[in-house]
């Protein structure tokens, strides 16, 4: 009899607890990001860039000894603009549900340049100066740190060491009645510095294809541009004295889009 009463009491408590649990509101489940960004990827990119080589007008015009003979050939510091196209490769690690970190290398062939022309003012001869300044290559090794906004959309910041390559060609033609001279100064230099920027990447509907858009700022600091100097006179070419042009700072900005494939 006692055992029957105890068993009944226990069964009554269990049923009552189950009924109360059924009446309690259910807690909303935590949203989950179902995606996998971990893995290798390769891609191509293209865009537009502009560069600012910081050279004083005095150094630009007086470092070259030929310009001193005709002040009308003076030029101002060039502002470079042009296209960018290249490739990139990297590896991502997805950290938890929202975080993505990665390492990326990239190389770009660039056509960021400016050509300036100045005409002399002397009556007894015609003289002309043409200065072409060009940033023809960019490369970097960058870390990327991002956060997923949904399963397919990534916002990220990026930064790391960078490299760039410039070419300068300064040509001065003195044309007189009985002939003329052509003075050509050329410099080619590599620049090392840093790059930082931000971007967004979209993985297409769970496939391996990814689209991106990003902005990058490069800072290569200061440098000295070593110019070789040659003189041409009636087909004869001779080497003149070389000179250095101080480059106080070189910065570059690039906006580019790209497509990648994740393996």
C-alpha atoms as a PDB file:
ATOM      1  CA  UNK A   1       0.000   0.000   0.000  1.00  0.00           C
ATOM      2  CA  UNK A   2       2.807   2.411   0.912  1.00  0.00           C
ATOM      3  CA  UNK A   3       4.694   1.519  -2.266  1.00  0.00           C
ATOM      4  CA  UNK A   4       1.608   2.272  -4.362  1.00  0.00           C
ATOM      5  CA  UNK A   5       1.188   5.686  -2.730  1.00  0.00           C
ATOM      6  CA  UNK A   6       4.867   6.609  -3.314  1.00  0.00           C
ATOM      7  CA  UNK A   7       4.743   5.510  -6.953  1.00  0.00           C
ATOM      8  CA  UNK A   8       1.579   7.552  -7.505  1.00  0.00           C
ATOM      9  CA  UNK A   9       3.135  10.640  -5.980  1.00  0.00           C
ATOM     10  CA  UNK A  10       6.253  10.315  -8.165  1.00  0.00           C
ATOM     11  CA  UNK A  11       4.157   9.853 -11.335  1.00  0.00           C
ATOM     12  CA  UNK A  12       2.053  12.901 -10.423  1.00  0.00           C
ATOM     13  CA  UNK A  13       5.202  15.077 -10.024  1.00  0.00           C
ATOM     14  CA  UNK A  14       6.652  13.912 -13.354  1.00  0.00           C
ATOM     15  CA  UNK A  15       3.412  14.647 -15.232  1.00  0.00           C
ATOM     16  CA  UNK A  16       3.090  18.053 -13.596  1.00  0.00           C
ATOM     17  CA  UNK A  17       6.705  18.950 -14.495  1.00  0.00           C
ATOM     18  CA  UNK A  18       6.198  17.889 -18.098  1.00  0.00           C
ATOM     19  CA  UNK A  19       3.071  20.014 -18.392  1.00  0.00           C
ATOM     20  CA  UNK A  20       4.863  23.065 -16.983  1.00  0.00           C
ATOM     21  CA  UNK A  21       7.793  22.573 -19.383  1.00  0.00           C
ATOM     22  CA  UNK A  22       5.397  22.354 -22.312  1.00  0.00           C
ATOM     23  CA  UNK A  23       3.810  25.673 -21.292  1.00  0.00           C
ATOM     24  CA  UNK A  24       7.168  27.558 -21.031  1.00  0.00           C
ATOM     25  CA  UNK A  25       8.191  29.674 -24.089  1.00  0.00           C
ATOM     26  CA  UNK A  26      11.036  28.245 -26.165  1.00  0.00           C
ATOM     27  CA  UNK A  27      14.300  30.254 -26.315  1.00  0.00           C
ATOM     28  CA  UNK A  28      15.111  31.492 -29.834  1.00  0.00           C
ATOM     29  CA  UNK A  29      18.048  29.597 -31.374  1.00  0.00           C
ATOM     30  CA  UNK A  30      21.322  31.505 -31.967  1.00  0.00           C
ATOM     31  CA  UNK A  31      21.844  32.384 -35.633  1.00  0.00           C
ATOM     32  CA  UNK A  32      24.580  30.349 -37.270  1.00  0.00           C
ATOM     33  CA  UNK A  33      26.797  31.193 -40.183  1.00  0.00           C
ATOM     34  CA  UNK A  34      27.010  28.110 -42.372  1.00  0.00           C
ATOM     35  CA  UNK A  35      30.020  28.650 -44.604  1.00  0.00           C
ATOM     36  CA  UNK A  36      33.584  27.500 -45.094  1.00  0.00           C
ATOM     37  CA  UNK A  37      36.125  30.115 -46.150  1.00  0.00           C
ATOM     38  CA  UNK A  38      39.163  28.012 -45.216  1.00  0.00           C
ATOM     39  CA  UNK A  39      41.430  27.080 -48.126  1.00  0.00           C
ATOM     40  CA  UNK A  40      43.707  28.232 -50.945  1.00  0.00           C
ATOM     41  CA  UNK A  41      42.560  30.632 -53.664  1.00  0.00           C
ATOM     42  CA  UNK A  42      43.957  32.342 -56.766  1.00  0.00           C
ATOM     43  CA  UNK A  43      42.588  35.216 -58.807  1.00  0.00           C
ATOM     44  CA  UNK A  44      43.054  38.219 -61.060  1.00  0.00           C
ATOM     45  CA  UNK A  45      42.359  41.895 -60.452  1.00  0.00           C
ATOM     46  CA  UNK A  46      42.244  45.184 -62.288  1.00  0.00           C
ATOM     47  CA  UNK A  47      41.579  48.806 -61.535  1.00  0.00           C
ATOM     48  CA  UNK A  48      42.915  52.348 -61.469  1.00  0.00           C
ATOM     49  CA  UNK A  49      45.728  54.011 -59.557  1.00  0.00           C
ATOM     50  CA  UNK A  50      47.333  57.380 -58.956  1.00  0.00           C
ATOM     51  CA  UNK A  51      50.796  58.168 -57.600  1.00  0.00           C
ATOM     52  CA  UNK A  52      52.412  61.268 -56.122  1.00  0.00           C
ATOM     53  CA  UNK A  53      56.204  61.410 -56.351  1.00  0.00           C
ATOM     54  CA  UNK A  54      57.178  64.260 -54.032  1.00  0.00           C
ATOM     55  CA  UNK A  55      59.979  66.104 -55.856  1.00  0.00           C
ATOM     56  CA  UNK A  56      60.623  69.797 -55.365  1.00  0.00           C
ATOM     57  CA  UNK A  57      60.391  71.884 -58.529  1.00  0.00           C
ATOM     58  CA  UNK A  58      63.911  73.177 -57.835  1.00  0.00           C
ATOM     59  CA  UNK A  59      65.407  69.666 -57.686  1.00  0.00           C
ATOM     60  CA  UNK A  60      63.417  68.526 -60.717  1.00  0.00           C
ATOM     61  CA  UNK A  61      64.792  71.344 -62.847  1.00  0.00           C
ATOM     62  CA  UNK A  62      68.256  72.001 -61.417  1.00  0.00           C
ATOM     63  CA  UNK A  63      69.486  68.457 -60.761  1.00  0.00           C
ATOM     64  CA  UNK A  64      69.727  68.094 -64.558  1.00  0.00           C
ATOM     65  CA  UNK A  65      72.560  70.441 -65.611  1.00  0.00           C
ATOM     66  CA  UNK A  66      71.159  70.828 -69.136  1.00  0.00           C
ATOM     67  CA  UNK A  67      67.997  72.579 -67.951  1.00  0.00           C
ATOM     68  CA  UNK A  68      69.981  75.402 -66.362  1.00  0.00           C
ATOM     69  CA  UNK A  69      70.850  76.712 -69.832  1.00  0.00           C
ATOM     70  CA  UNK A  70      67.167  77.429 -70.582  1.00  0.00           C
ATOM     71  CA  UNK A  71      64.813  78.247 -67.706  1.00  0.00           C
ATOM     72  CA  UNK A  72      61.823  78.002 -70.077  1.00  0.00           C
ATOM     73  CA  UNK A  73      62.279  74.203 -69.998  1.00  0.00           C
ATOM     74  CA  UNK A  74      61.320  74.025 -66.315  1.00  0.00           C
ATOM     75  CA  UNK A  75      58.561  71.580 -65.331  1.00  0.00           C
ATOM     76  CA  UNK A  76      56.461  70.902 -62.240  1.00  0.00           C
ATOM     77  CA  UNK A  77      56.296  67.682 -60.213  1.00  0.00           C
ATOM     78  CA  UNK A  78      54.323  65.123 -62.243  1.00  0.00           C
ATOM     79  CA  UNK A  79      51.093  63.531 -60.998  1.00  0.00           C
ATOM     80  CA  UNK A  80      50.813  59.965 -62.269  1.00  0.00           C
ATOM     81  CA  UNK A  81      47.565  58.175 -63.167  1.00  0.00           C
ATOM     82  CA  UNK A  82      46.656  54.994 -65.009  1.00  0.00           C
ATOM     83  CA  UNK A  83      45.490  51.403 -65.139  1.00  0.00           C
ATOM     84  CA  UNK A  84      46.426  48.448 -62.911  1.00  0.00           C
ATOM     85  CA  UNK A  85      46.157  44.747 -63.772  1.00  0.00           C
ATOM     86  CA  UNK A  86      47.598  41.666 -62.064  1.00  0.00           C
ATOM     87  CA  UNK A  87      47.107  38.462 -60.110  1.00  0.00           C
ATOM     88  CA  UNK A  88      46.904  37.348 -56.491  1.00  0.00           C
ATOM     89  CA  UNK A  89      46.965  34.150 -54.429  1.00  0.00           C
ATOM     90  CA  UNK A  90      46.424  33.364 -50.789  1.00  0.00           C
ATOM     91  CA  UNK A  91      45.071  31.178 -48.010  1.00  0.00           C
ATOM     92  CA  UNK A  92      42.174  31.851 -45.610  1.00  0.00           C
ATOM     93  CA  UNK A  93      41.413  30.389 -42.196  1.00  0.00           C
ATOM     94  CA  UNK A  94      37.859  30.679 -40.902  1.00  0.00           C
ATOM     95  CA  UNK A  95      37.918  31.340 -37.171  1.00  0.00           C
ATOM     96  CA  UNK A  96      34.701  30.459 -35.405  1.00  0.00           C
ATOM     97  CA  UNK A  97      31.436  31.451 -37.045  1.00  0.00           C
ATOM     98  CA  UNK A  98      32.302  35.053 -37.999  1.00  0.00           C
ATOM     99  CA  UNK A  99      36.075  35.532 -38.232  1.00  0.00           C
ATOM    100  CA  UNK A 100      38.334  35.031 -41.256  1.00  0.00           C
ATOM    101  CA  UNK A 101      42.106  35.601 -41.288  1.00  0.00           C
ATOM    102  CA  UNK A 102      44.424  35.051 -44.217  1.00  0.00           C
ATOM    103  CA  UNK A 103      47.706  35.714 -45.999  1.00  0.00           C
ATOM    104  CA  UNK A 104      47.872  37.000 -49.586  1.00  0.00           C
ATOM    105  CA  UNK A 105      50.562  37.850 -52.151  1.00  0.00           C
ATOM    106  CA  UNK A 106      49.925  39.911 -55.252  1.00  0.00           C
ATOM    107  CA  UNK A 107      51.686  41.421 -58.273  1.00  0.00           C
ATOM    108  CA  UNK A 108      50.375  44.109 -60.622  1.00  0.00           C
ATOM    109  CA  UNK A 109      51.676  45.460 -63.904  1.00  0.00           C
ATOM    110  CA  UNK A 110      50.746  49.132 -63.929  1.00  0.00           C
ATOM    111  CA  UNK A 111      50.564  51.952 -66.441  1.00  0.00           C
ATOM    112  CA  UNK A 112      50.492  54.760 -63.890  1.00  0.00           C
ATOM    113  CA  UNK A 113      52.371  57.527 -65.694  1.00  0.00           C
ATOM    114  CA  UNK A 114      52.553  61.143 -66.831  1.00  0.00           C
ATOM    115  CA  UNK A 115      54.322  62.789 -69.781  1.00  0.00           C
ATOM    116  CA  UNK A 116      55.132  66.503 -69.637  1.00  0.00           C
ATOM    117  CA  UNK A 117      56.445  68.710 -72.454  1.00  0.00           C
ATOM    118  CA  UNK A 118      58.093  72.136 -72.329  1.00  0.00           C
ATOM    119  CA  UNK A 119      59.116  74.252 -75.336  1.00  0.00           C
ATOM    120  CA  UNK A 120      62.078  76.658 -75.202  1.00  0.00           C
ATOM    121  CA  UNK A 121      61.807  80.352 -75.961  1.00  0.00           C
ATOM    122  CA  UNK A 122      65.118  81.146 -77.653  1.00  0.00           C
ATOM    123  CA  UNK A 123      64.793  82.520 -81.226  1.00  0.00           C
ATOM    124  CA  UNK A 124      68.094  81.199 -82.571  1.00  0.00           C
ATOM    125  CA  UNK A 125      67.238  77.531 -81.887  1.00  0.00           C
ATOM    126  CA  UNK A 126      64.320  75.276 -81.149  1.00  0.00           C
ATOM    127  CA  UNK A 127      64.573  73.339 -77.894  1.00  0.00           C
ATOM    128  CA  UNK A 128      62.125  70.910 -76.348  1.00  0.00           C
ATOM    129  CA  UNK A 129      62.021  68.942 -73.100  1.00  0.00           C
ATOM    130  CA  UNK A 130      59.966  65.782 -72.585  1.00  0.00           C
ATOM    131  CA  UNK A 131      59.762  64.157 -69.147  1.00  0.00           C
ATOM    132  CA  UNK A 132      58.063  60.770 -68.799  1.00  0.00           C
ATOM    133  CA  UNK A 133      57.543  59.431 -65.270  1.00  0.00           C
ATOM    134  CA  UNK A 134      56.044  55.978 -64.804  1.00  0.00           C
ATOM    135  CA  UNK A 135      55.221  53.544 -62.013  1.00  0.00           C
ATOM    136  CA  UNK A 136      55.228  50.223 -63.887  1.00  0.00           C
ATOM    137  CA  UNK A 137      54.962  47.547 -61.144  1.00  0.00           C
ATOM    138  CA  UNK A 138      53.470  46.956 -57.703  1.00  0.00           C
ATOM    139  CA  UNK A 139      53.650  43.936 -55.386  1.00  0.00           C
ATOM    140  CA  UNK A 140      52.879  43.120 -51.766  1.00  0.00           C
ATOM    141  CA  UNK A 141      52.615  40.426 -49.099  1.00  0.00           C
ATOM    142  CA  UNK A 142      49.600  41.187 -46.901  1.00  0.00           C
ATOM    143  CA  UNK A 143      47.641  39.781 -44.008  1.00  0.00           C
ATOM    144  CA  UNK A 144      43.841  39.986 -44.167  1.00  0.00           C
ATOM    145  CA  UNK A 145      41.553  40.087 -41.121  1.00  0.00           C
ATOM    146  CA  UNK A 146      37.809  40.109 -41.687  1.00  0.00           C
ATOM    147  CA  UNK A 147      34.349  39.510 -40.305  1.00  0.00           C
ATOM    148  CA  UNK A 148      31.515  37.650 -42.023  1.00  0.00           C
ATOM    149  CA  UNK A 149      28.233  39.519 -42.439  1.00  0.00           C
ATOM    150  CA  UNK A 150      26.155  36.488 -43.296  1.00  0.00           C
ATOM    151  CA  UNK A 151      27.605  33.326 -44.723  1.00  0.00           C
ATOM    152  CA  UNK A 152      28.773  34.689 -48.078  1.00  0.00           C
ATOM    153  CA  UNK A 153      29.852  38.312 -47.465  1.00  0.00           C
ATOM    154  CA  UNK A 154      33.214  39.281 -45.940  1.00  0.00           C
ATOM    155  CA  UNK A 155      34.459  42.712 -44.854  1.00  0.00           C
ATOM    156  CA  UNK A 156      38.210  42.866 -44.223  1.00  0.00           C
ATOM    157  CA  UNK A 157      41.195  45.059 -43.492  1.00  0.00           C
ATOM    158  CA  UNK A 158      44.607  44.297 -44.975  1.00  0.00           C
ATOM    159  CA  UNK A 159      48.233  45.408 -44.699  1.00  0.00           C
ATOM    160  CA  UNK A 160      51.864  44.401 -45.080  1.00  0.00           C
ATOM    161  CA  UNK A 161      55.192  45.122 -46.832  1.00  0.00           C
ATOM    162  CA  UNK A 162      55.115  46.393 -50.422  1.00  0.00           C
ATOM    163  CA  UNK A 163      57.383  46.959 -53.440  1.00  0.00           C
ATOM    164  CA  UNK A 164      57.134  49.271 -56.434  1.00  0.00           C
ATOM    165  CA  UNK A 165      59.234  50.096 -59.491  1.00  0.00           C
ATOM    166  CA  UNK A 166      59.561  53.452 -61.264  1.00  0.00           C
ATOM    167  CA  UNK A 167      61.130  54.706 -64.496  1.00  0.00           C
ATOM    168  CA  UNK A 168      61.963  58.296 -65.400  1.00  0.00           C
ATOM    169  CA  UNK A 169      63.144  59.503 -68.825  1.00  0.00           C
ATOM    170  CA  UNK A 170      64.107  63.161 -69.311  1.00  0.00           C
ATOM    171  CA  UNK A 171      64.862  64.089 -72.929  1.00  0.00           C
ATOM    172  CA  UNK A 172      66.069  67.536 -73.998  1.00  0.00           C
ATOM    173  CA  UNK A 173      66.536  68.418 -77.686  1.00  0.00           C
ATOM    174  CA  UNK A 174      68.509  71.459 -78.786  1.00  0.00           C
ATOM    175  CA  UNK A 175      67.974  72.036 -82.510  1.00  0.00           C
ATOM    176  CA  UNK A 176      70.085  74.764 -84.170  1.00  0.00           C
ATOM    177  CA  UNK A 177      70.503  75.746 -87.823  1.00  0.00           C
ATOM    178  CA  UNK A 178      73.605  73.619 -88.415  1.00  0.00           C
ATOM    179  CA  UNK A 179      72.643  70.620 -86.304  1.00  0.00           C
ATOM    180  CA  UNK A 180      71.595  69.812 -82.788  1.00  0.00           C
ATOM    181  CA  UNK A 181      72.131  67.828 -79.638  1.00  0.00           C
ATOM    182  CA  UNK A 182      69.879  65.413 -77.777  1.00  0.00           C
ATOM    183  CA  UNK A 183      70.425  64.970 -74.038  1.00  0.00           C
ATOM    184  CA  UNK A 184      68.767  61.917 -72.486  1.00  0.00           C
ATOM    185  CA  UNK A 185      68.674  61.182 -68.746  1.00  0.00           C
ATOM    186  CA  UNK A 186      67.231  57.871 -67.547  1.00  0.00           C
ATOM    187  CA  UNK A 187      66.598  56.472 -64.066  1.00  0.00           C
ATOM    188  CA  UNK A 188      65.102  53.185 -62.907  1.00  0.00           C
ATOM    189  CA  UNK A 189      64.555  52.402 -59.232  1.00  0.00           C
ATOM    190  CA  UNK A 190      62.936  49.891 -56.885  1.00  0.00           C
ATOM    191  CA  UNK A 191      61.058  51.175 -53.850  1.00  0.00           C
ATOM    192  CA  UNK A 192      60.228  49.297 -50.639  1.00  0.00           C
ATOM    193  CA  UNK A 193      57.602  50.342 -48.127  1.00  0.00           C
ATOM    194  CA  UNK A 194      54.192  49.332 -46.778  1.00  0.00           C
ATOM    195  CA  UNK A 195      50.593  49.037 -47.935  1.00  0.00           C
ATOM    196  CA  UNK A 196      47.290  49.102 -46.034  1.00  0.00           C
ATOM    197  CA  UNK A 197      43.666  49.122 -47.071  1.00  0.00           C
ATOM    198  CA  UNK A 198      40.220  47.577 -46.811  1.00  0.00           C
ATOM    199  CA  UNK A 199      37.821  45.631 -48.968  1.00  0.00           C
ATOM    200  CA  UNK A 200      34.749  43.455 -49.325  1.00  0.00           C
ATOM    201  CA  UNK A 201      34.436  39.966 -50.809  1.00  0.00           C
ATOM    202  CA  UNK A 202      31.373  38.001 -51.859  1.00  0.00           C
ATOM    203  CA  UNK A 203      31.338  34.234 -52.298  1.00  0.00           C
ATOM    204  CA  UNK A 204      28.897  33.372 -55.052  1.00  0.00           C
ATOM    205  CA  UNK A 205      26.033  31.205 -53.763  1.00  0.00           C
ATOM    206  CA  UNK A 206      28.170  28.609 -52.022  1.00  0.00           C
ATOM    207  CA  UNK A 207      30.484  28.049 -55.020  1.00  0.00           C
ATOM    208  CA  UNK A 208      34.233  28.503 -55.148  1.00  0.00           C
ATOM    209  CA  UNK A 209      33.964  31.785 -57.080  1.00  0.00           C
ATOM    210  CA  UNK A 210      34.518  35.010 -55.129  1.00  0.00           C
ATOM    211  CA  UNK A 211      34.159  38.649 -56.192  1.00  0.00           C
ATOM    212  CA  UNK A 212      35.980  41.492 -54.441  1.00  0.00           C
ATOM    213  CA  UNK A 213      36.490  45.236 -54.416  1.00  0.00           C
ATOM    214  CA  UNK A 214      39.254  46.912 -52.405  1.00  0.00           C
ATOM    215  CA  UNK A 215      41.206  50.103 -51.814  1.00  0.00           C
ATOM    216  CA  UNK A 216      44.966  50.059 -51.123  1.00  0.00           C
ATOM    217  CA  UNK A 217      47.330  52.849 -50.063  1.00  0.00           C
ATOM    218  CA  UNK A 218      51.087  52.398 -50.637  1.00  0.00           C
ATOM    219  CA  UNK A 219      53.819  54.443 -48.966  1.00  0.00           C
ATOM    220  CA  UNK A 220      57.390  53.941 -50.218  1.00  0.00           C
ATOM    221  CA  UNK A 221      59.078  56.720 -48.276  1.00  0.00           C
ATOM    222  CA  UNK A 222      62.052  58.621 -49.695  1.00  0.00           C
ATOM    223  CA  UNK A 223      64.677  57.578 -52.250  1.00  0.00           C
ATOM    224  CA  UNK A 224      67.426  58.883 -54.492  1.00  0.00           C
ATOM    225  CA  UNK A 225      66.936  58.457 -58.246  1.00  0.00           C
ATOM    226  CA  UNK A 226      70.252  57.786 -60.038  1.00  0.00           C
ATOM    227  CA  UNK A 227      70.143  59.227 -63.579  1.00  0.00           C
ATOM    228  CA  UNK A 228      72.453  58.107 -66.393  1.00  0.00           C
ATOM    229  CA  UNK A 229      73.220  60.924 -68.830  1.00  0.00           C
ATOM    230  CA  UNK A 230      73.964  60.536 -72.551  1.00  0.00           C
ATOM    231  CA  UNK A 231      74.490  63.085 -75.344  1.00  0.00           C
ATOM    232  CA  UNK A 232      73.749  62.443 -79.038  1.00  0.00           C
ATOM    233  CA  UNK A 233      75.317  64.702 -81.689  1.00  0.00           C
ATOM    234  CA  UNK A 234      74.985  63.899 -85.409  1.00  0.00           C
ATOM    235  CA  UNK A 235      74.554  60.196 -84.655  1.00  0.00           C
ATOM    236  CA  UNK A 236      77.445  60.031 -82.200  1.00  0.00           C
ATOM    237  CA  UNK A 237      76.470  59.060 -78.640  1.00  0.00           C
ATOM    238  CA  UNK A 238      78.671  59.862 -75.674  1.00  0.00           C
ATOM    239  CA  UNK A 239      78.162  59.323 -71.967  1.00  0.00           C
ATOM    240  CA  UNK A 240      77.943  62.352 -69.722  1.00  0.00           C
ATOM    241  CA  UNK A 241      78.136  62.802 -65.984  1.00  0.00           C
ATOM    242  CA  UNK A 242      75.419  61.033 -64.022  1.00  0.00           C
ATOM    243  CA  UNK A 243      73.433  62.802 -61.314  1.00  0.00           C
ATOM    244  CA  UNK A 244      70.968  62.012 -58.528  1.00  0.00           C
ATOM    245  CA  UNK A 245      67.479  63.417 -58.107  1.00  0.00           C
ATOM    246  CA  UNK A 246      66.145  63.351 -54.520  1.00  0.00           C
ATOM    247  CA  UNK A 247      62.685  61.825 -54.178  1.00  0.00           C
ATOM    248  CA  UNK A 248      61.313  63.025 -50.863  1.00  0.00           C
ATOM    249  CA  UNK A 249      58.369  60.612 -50.821  1.00  0.00           C
ATOM    250  CA  UNK A 250      56.419  58.310 -53.116  1.00  0.00           C
ATOM    251  CA  UNK A 251      52.821  57.349 -52.326  1.00  0.00           C
ATOM    252  CA  UNK A 252      50.328  55.445 -54.460  1.00  0.00           C
ATOM    253  CA  UNK A 253      46.602  54.749 -54.178  1.00  0.00           C
ATOM    254  CA  UNK A 254      44.784  51.950 -56.010  1.00  0.00           C
ATOM    255  CA  UNK A 255      41.109  51.052 -56.334  1.00  0.00           C
ATOM    256  CA  UNK A 256      40.580  47.652 -57.906  1.00  0.00           C
ATOM    257  CA  UNK A 257      38.118  44.824 -58.350  1.00  0.00           C
ATOM    258  CA  UNK A 258      38.889  41.145 -58.711  1.00  0.00           C
ATOM    259  CA  UNK A 259      37.622  37.614 -59.110  1.00  0.00           C
ATOM    260  CA  UNK A 260      39.076  34.610 -57.254  1.00  0.00           C
ATOM    261  CA  UNK A 261      38.550  30.869 -57.134  1.00  0.00           C
ATOM    262  CA  UNK A 262      38.778  28.942 -53.851  1.00  0.00           C
ATOM    263  CA  UNK A 263      39.909  25.336 -54.065  1.00  0.00           C
END
